Amino acid sequence: MTAKRALRIAAIVLAAVALLAAAGAYFGATMGLFTGKRPTDLGFGSDGRFRAAESWKPNWVSSTVAAADKHFVAPYEIRGDRAKAWSALHAAVEATAGATIARRDPGYLQVEFKTPTMGFVDDAEFQMDADGKRIHVRSAARLGIRDFDVNRKRVESLRAAVDKAS
């Protein structure tokens, strides 16, 4: 076999593998294989922390873990009208592509964010403090280990809307 023929065969095999991977990703996303299951432990506890289990995985952030924890993200500080800040958060969430509000209670918001291409779902929670001076936040990927800081970036993007309103 000549080097040219071996190179041609390798290119064909590589193209076939790439095509199969693309088809698998497409059909997997359309069939909901990457959505995962909605966690059953969501909510805000009476201890002032989110109830969801904490893990070693770097695919989540929370404002109710210790500040030294790598998963820590600061809560949204409200300097003005709490109702206006809460409304701004709702509006920013609803304007985010792929966002679905799963639960809405007074002072609590649970949102699912679905990625457009692969259909991965992240769960986010927002809880207004009793004193109305901050909104605690938690956001986590349902599947996988890494999220490439998607949850942290989304939390910070939504923070900008709350900051602007308060």
C-alpha atoms as a PDB file:
ATOM      1  CA  MET A   1       0.000   0.000   0.000  1.00  0.00           C
ATOM      2  CA  THR A   2       1.361   3.383  -0.933  1.00  0.00           C
ATOM      3  CA  ALA A   3       1.532   6.299   1.471  1.00  0.00           C
ATOM      4  CA  LYS A   4      -0.895   8.232  -0.693  1.00  0.00           C
ATOM      5  CA  ARG A   5      -3.472   5.416  -0.532  1.00  0.00           C
ATOM      6  CA  ALA A   6      -3.032   5.029   3.250  1.00  0.00           C
ATOM      7  CA  LEU A   7      -3.528   8.769   3.694  1.00  0.00           C
ATOM      8  CA  ARG A   8      -6.685   8.677   1.570  1.00  0.00           C
ATOM      9  CA  ILE A   9      -8.122   5.762   3.608  1.00  0.00           C
ATOM     10  CA  ALA A  10      -7.292   7.545   6.873  1.00  0.00           C
ATOM     11  CA  ALA A  11      -9.051  10.698   5.636  1.00  0.00           C
ATOM     12  CA  ILE A  12     -12.155   8.701   4.683  1.00  0.00           C
ATOM     13  CA  VAL A  13     -12.236   6.948   8.061  1.00  0.00           C
ATOM     14  CA  LEU A  14     -11.768  10.253   9.884  1.00  0.00           C
ATOM     15  CA  ALA A  15     -14.568  11.876   7.874  1.00  0.00           C
ATOM     16  CA  ALA A  16     -16.888   8.933   8.616  1.00  0.00           C
ATOM     17  CA  VAL A  17     -16.116   9.147  12.355  1.00  0.00           C
ATOM     18  CA  ALA A  18     -16.742  12.906  12.342  1.00  0.00           C
ATOM     19  CA  LEU A  19     -20.042  12.395  10.495  1.00  0.00           C
ATOM     20  CA  LEU A  20     -21.155   9.732  12.977  1.00  0.00           C
ATOM     21  CA  ALA A  21     -20.206  11.961  15.919  1.00  0.00           C
ATOM     22  CA  ALA A  22     -22.147  14.891  14.464  1.00  0.00           C
ATOM     23  CA  ALA A  23     -25.180  12.690  13.806  1.00  0.00           C
ATOM     24  CA  GLY A  24     -24.982  11.273  17.337  1.00  0.00           C
ATOM     25  CA  ALA A  25     -24.819  14.755  18.841  1.00  0.00           C
ATOM     26  CA  TYR A  26     -27.723  15.978  16.706  1.00  0.00           C
ATOM     27  CA  PHE A  27     -30.009  13.033  17.378  1.00  0.00           C
ATOM     28  CA  GLY A  28     -28.979  12.870  21.033  1.00  0.00           C
ATOM     29  CA  ALA A  29     -29.948  16.509  21.499  1.00  0.00           C
ATOM     30  CA  THR A  30     -33.245  16.202  19.632  1.00  0.00           C
ATOM     31  CA  MET A  31     -34.166  13.103  21.633  1.00  0.00           C
ATOM     32  CA  GLY A  32     -33.396  14.836  24.931  1.00  0.00           C
ATOM     33  CA  LEU A  33     -30.486  12.589  25.855  1.00  0.00           C
ATOM     34  CA  PHE A  34     -28.498  15.518  27.259  1.00  0.00           C
ATOM     35  CA  THR A  35     -31.195  17.114  29.425  1.00  0.00           C
ATOM     36  CA  GLY A  36     -30.751  14.941  32.499  1.00  0.00           C
ATOM     37  CA  LYS A  37     -33.379  14.687  35.221  1.00  0.00           C
ATOM     38  CA  ARG A  38     -34.689  17.628  37.231  1.00  0.00           C
ATOM     39  CA  PRO A  39     -33.130  17.487  40.703  1.00  0.00           C
ATOM     40  CA  THR A  40     -35.526  16.697  43.517  1.00  0.00           C
ATOM     41  CA  ASP A  41     -33.537  18.534  46.207  1.00  0.00           C
ATOM     42  CA  LEU A  42     -33.956  22.104  44.947  1.00  0.00           C
ATOM     43  CA  GLY A  43     -35.257  24.873  47.172  1.00  0.00           C
ATOM     44  CA  PHE A  44     -34.025  27.129  49.951  1.00  0.00           C
ATOM     45  CA  GLY A  45     -33.667  25.787  53.474  1.00  0.00           C
ATOM     46  CA  SER A  46     -34.478  27.445  56.772  1.00  0.00           C
ATOM     47  CA  ASP A  47     -30.730  27.476  57.481  1.00  0.00           C
ATOM     48  CA  GLY A  48     -30.241  30.177  54.826  1.00  0.00           C
ATOM     49  CA  ARG A  49     -28.677  27.815  52.279  1.00  0.00           C
ATOM     50  CA  PHE A  50     -29.821  26.118  49.113  1.00  0.00           C
ATOM     51  CA  ARG A  51     -30.820  22.499  49.739  1.00  0.00           C
ATOM     52  CA  ALA A  52     -29.236  21.020  46.613  1.00  0.00           C
ATOM     53  CA  ALA A  53     -26.331  18.692  47.221  1.00  0.00           C
ATOM     54  CA  GLU A  54     -22.879  20.202  46.873  1.00  0.00           C
ATOM     55  CA  SER A  55     -20.272  18.273  44.921  1.00  0.00           C
ATOM     56  CA  TRP A  56     -16.606  18.443  44.040  1.00  0.00           C
ATOM     57  CA  LYS A  57     -17.473  19.025  40.378  1.00  0.00           C
ATOM     58  CA  PRO A  58     -16.566  22.484  39.045  1.00  0.00           C
ATOM     59  CA  ASN A  59     -19.896  22.834  37.188  1.00  0.00           C
ATOM     60  CA  TRP A  60     -21.884  24.854  39.745  1.00  0.00           C
ATOM     61  CA  VAL A  61     -21.822  28.102  41.714  1.00  0.00           C
ATOM     62  CA  SER A  62     -23.682  29.259  44.820  1.00  0.00           C
ATOM     63  CA  SER A  63     -23.828  32.321  47.034  1.00  0.00           C
ATOM     64  CA  THR A  64     -24.572  30.226  50.122  1.00  0.00           C
ATOM     65  CA  VAL A  65     -21.277  28.327  50.307  1.00  0.00           C
ATOM     66  CA  ALA A  66     -18.214  29.657  52.133  1.00  0.00           C
ATOM     67  CA  ALA A  67     -16.544  32.597  50.391  1.00  0.00           C
ATOM     68  CA  ALA A  68     -13.283  30.633  50.201  1.00  0.00           C
ATOM     69  CA  ASP A  69     -14.983  27.788  48.294  1.00  0.00           C
ATOM     70  CA  LYS A  70     -14.199  27.676  44.546  1.00  0.00           C
ATOM     71  CA  HIS A  71     -17.947  27.418  43.897  1.00  0.00           C
ATOM     72  CA  PHE A  72     -18.721  30.698  45.659  1.00  0.00           C
ATOM     73  CA  VAL A  73     -20.341  33.554  43.800  1.00  0.00           C
ATOM     74  CA  ALA A  74     -21.473  36.709  45.581  1.00  0.00           C
ATOM     75  CA  PRO A  75     -25.205  37.220  46.119  1.00  0.00           C
ATOM     76  CA  TYR A  76     -26.907  40.041  44.247  1.00  0.00           C
ATOM     77  CA  GLU A  77     -26.795  43.107  46.489  1.00  0.00           C
ATOM     78  CA  ILE A  78     -29.900  45.306  46.362  1.00  0.00           C
ATOM     79  CA  ARG A  79     -29.247  48.966  47.055  1.00  0.00           C
ATOM     80  CA  GLY A  80     -32.708  50.269  46.225  1.00  0.00           C
ATOM     81  CA  ASP A  81     -36.234  48.966  45.803  1.00  0.00           C
ATOM     82  CA  ARG A  82     -36.354  45.205  46.299  1.00  0.00           C
ATOM     83  CA  ALA A  83     -39.505  44.768  44.176  1.00  0.00           C
ATOM     84  CA  LYS A  84     -37.866  46.602  41.296  1.00  0.00           C
ATOM     85  CA  ALA A  85     -34.715  44.450  41.572  1.00  0.00           C
ATOM     86  CA  TRP A  86     -36.799  41.244  41.707  1.00  0.00           C
ATOM     87  CA  SER A  87     -38.803  42.343  38.650  1.00  0.00           C
ATOM     88  CA  ALA A  88     -35.585  43.137  36.796  1.00  0.00           C
ATOM     89  CA  LEU A  89     -34.278  39.646  37.586  1.00  0.00           C
ATOM     90  CA  HIS A  90     -37.520  38.088  36.253  1.00  0.00           C
ATOM     91  CA  ALA A  91     -37.320  40.166  33.083  1.00  0.00           C
ATOM     92  CA  ALA A  92     -33.646  39.303  32.524  1.00  0.00           C
ATOM     93  CA  VAL A  93     -34.346  35.592  33.013  1.00  0.00           C
ATOM     94  CA  GLU A  94     -37.310  35.661  30.636  1.00  0.00           C
ATOM     95  CA  ALA A  95     -35.189  37.470  28.030  1.00  0.00           C
ATOM     96  CA  THR A  96     -32.492  34.783  28.197  1.00  0.00           C
ATOM     97  CA  ALA A  97     -32.620  32.312  25.318  1.00  0.00           C
ATOM     98  CA  GLY A  98     -33.481  28.793  26.445  1.00  0.00           C
ATOM     99  CA  ALA A  99     -34.800  29.874  29.867  1.00  0.00           C
ATOM    100  CA  THR A 100     -37.898  28.234  31.316  1.00  0.00           C
ATOM    101  CA  ILE A 101     -39.267  29.208  34.705  1.00  0.00           C
ATOM    102  CA  ALA A 102     -39.976  25.932  36.495  1.00  0.00           C
ATOM    103  CA  ARG A 103     -41.202  27.342  39.810  1.00  0.00           C
ATOM    104  CA  ARG A 104     -42.152  30.812  40.961  1.00  0.00           C
ATOM    105  CA  ASP A 105     -42.951  31.457  44.625  1.00  0.00           C
ATOM    106  CA  PRO A 106     -42.854  34.739  46.558  1.00  0.00           C
ATOM    107  CA  GLY A 107     -39.144  35.516  46.863  1.00  0.00           C
ATOM    108  CA  TYR A 108     -38.036  32.297  45.123  1.00  0.00           C
ATOM    109  CA  LEU A 109     -37.438  31.530  41.457  1.00  0.00           C
ATOM    110  CA  GLN A 110     -36.361  28.227  39.893  1.00  0.00           C
ATOM    111  CA  VAL A 111     -35.211  28.352  36.272  1.00  0.00           C
ATOM    112  CA  GLU A 112     -34.019  25.800  33.735  1.00  0.00           C
ATOM    113  CA  PHE A 113     -31.580  27.038  31.088  1.00  0.00           C
ATOM    114  CA  LYS A 114     -31.314  24.812  28.004  1.00  0.00           C
ATOM    115  CA  THR A 115     -28.431  25.173  25.546  1.00  0.00           C
ATOM    116  CA  PRO A 116     -29.584  25.586  21.940  1.00  0.00           C
ATOM    117  CA  THR A 117     -27.221  23.152  20.236  1.00  0.00           C
ATOM    118  CA  MET A 118     -26.835  20.106  22.448  1.00  0.00           C
ATOM    119  CA  GLY A 119     -29.810  20.599  24.765  1.00  0.00           C
ATOM    120  CA  PHE A 120     -27.870  20.480  28.046  1.00  0.00           C
ATOM    121  CA  VAL A 121     -29.893  21.842  30.985  1.00  0.00           C
ATOM    122  CA  ASP A 122     -28.654  23.913  33.913  1.00  0.00           C
ATOM    123  CA  ASP A 123     -30.783  24.516  37.005  1.00  0.00           C
ATOM    124  CA  ALA A 124     -30.702  27.952  38.624  1.00  0.00           C
ATOM    125  CA  GLU A 125     -32.350  29.146  41.814  1.00  0.00           C
ATOM    126  CA  PHE A 126     -32.814  32.643  43.179  1.00  0.00           C
ATOM    127  CA  GLN A 127     -33.917  33.446  46.733  1.00  0.00           C
ATOM    128  CA  MET A 128     -34.652  36.904  48.133  1.00  0.00           C
ATOM    129  CA  ASP A 129     -33.239  37.371  51.629  1.00  0.00           C
ATOM    130  CA  ALA A 130     -35.785  38.045  54.378  1.00  0.00           C
ATOM    131  CA  ASP A 131     -34.338  41.539  54.844  1.00  0.00           C
ATOM    132  CA  GLY A 132     -34.694  42.246  51.112  1.00  0.00           C
ATOM    133  CA  LYS A 133     -31.097  43.429  50.739  1.00  0.00           C
ATOM    134  CA  ARG A 134     -29.742  40.558  48.654  1.00  0.00           C
ATOM    135  CA  ILE A 135     -30.772  37.798  46.313  1.00  0.00           C
ATOM    136  CA  HIS A 136     -28.994  34.491  46.807  1.00  0.00           C
ATOM    137  CA  VAL A 137     -28.247  32.482  43.696  1.00  0.00           C
ATOM    138  CA  ARG A 138     -27.286  28.939  42.799  1.00  0.00           C
ATOM    139  CA  SER A 139     -26.733  27.593  39.292  1.00  0.00           C
ATOM    140  CA  ALA A 140     -25.562  24.101  38.335  1.00  0.00           C
ATOM    141  CA  ALA A 141     -25.201  21.846  35.326  1.00  0.00           C
ATOM    142  CA  ARG A 142     -27.284  18.675  35.501  1.00  0.00           C
ATOM    143  CA  LEU A 143     -24.834  16.531  33.573  1.00  0.00           C
ATOM    144  CA  GLY A 144     -21.102  16.312  33.185  1.00  0.00           C
ATOM    145  CA  ILE A 145     -18.202  17.508  35.231  1.00  0.00           C
ATOM    146  CA  ARG A 146     -17.136  20.783  33.657  1.00  0.00           C
ATOM    147  CA  ASP A 147     -19.325  23.595  32.399  1.00  0.00           C
ATOM    148  CA  PHE A 148     -16.508  25.897  31.211  1.00  0.00           C
ATOM    149  CA  ASP A 149     -17.796  28.623  33.585  1.00  0.00           C
ATOM    150  CA  VAL A 150     -21.153  28.866  31.789  1.00  0.00           C
ATOM    151  CA  ASN A 151     -23.092  28.973  35.069  1.00  0.00           C
ATOM    152  CA  ARG A 152     -20.810  31.612  36.614  1.00  0.00           C
ATOM    153  CA  LYS A 153     -20.991  33.792  33.492  1.00  0.00           C
ATOM    154  CA  ARG A 154     -24.793  33.510  33.351  1.00  0.00           C
ATOM    155  CA  VAL A 155     -25.086  34.448  37.035  1.00  0.00           C
ATOM    156  CA  GLU A 156     -22.877  37.493  36.452  1.00  0.00           C
ATOM    157  CA  SER A 157     -24.836  38.483  33.350  1.00  0.00           C
ATOM    158  CA  LEU A 158     -28.095  38.412  35.312  1.00  0.00           C
ATOM    159  CA  ARG A 159     -26.393  40.361  38.129  1.00  0.00           C
ATOM    160  CA  ALA A 160     -25.900  43.252  35.712  1.00  0.00           C
ATOM    161  CA  ALA A 161     -29.682  43.520  35.203  1.00  0.00           C
ATOM    162  CA  VAL A 162     -30.342  43.517  38.955  1.00  0.00           C
ATOM    163  CA  ASP A 163     -27.583  46.075  39.581  1.00  0.00           C
ATOM    164  CA  LYS A 164     -28.984  48.347  36.919  1.00  0.00           C
ATOM    165  CA  ALA A 165     -32.466  48.260  38.481  1.00  0.00           C
ATOM    166  CA  SER A 166     -31.470  48.674  42.115  1.00  0.00           C
END
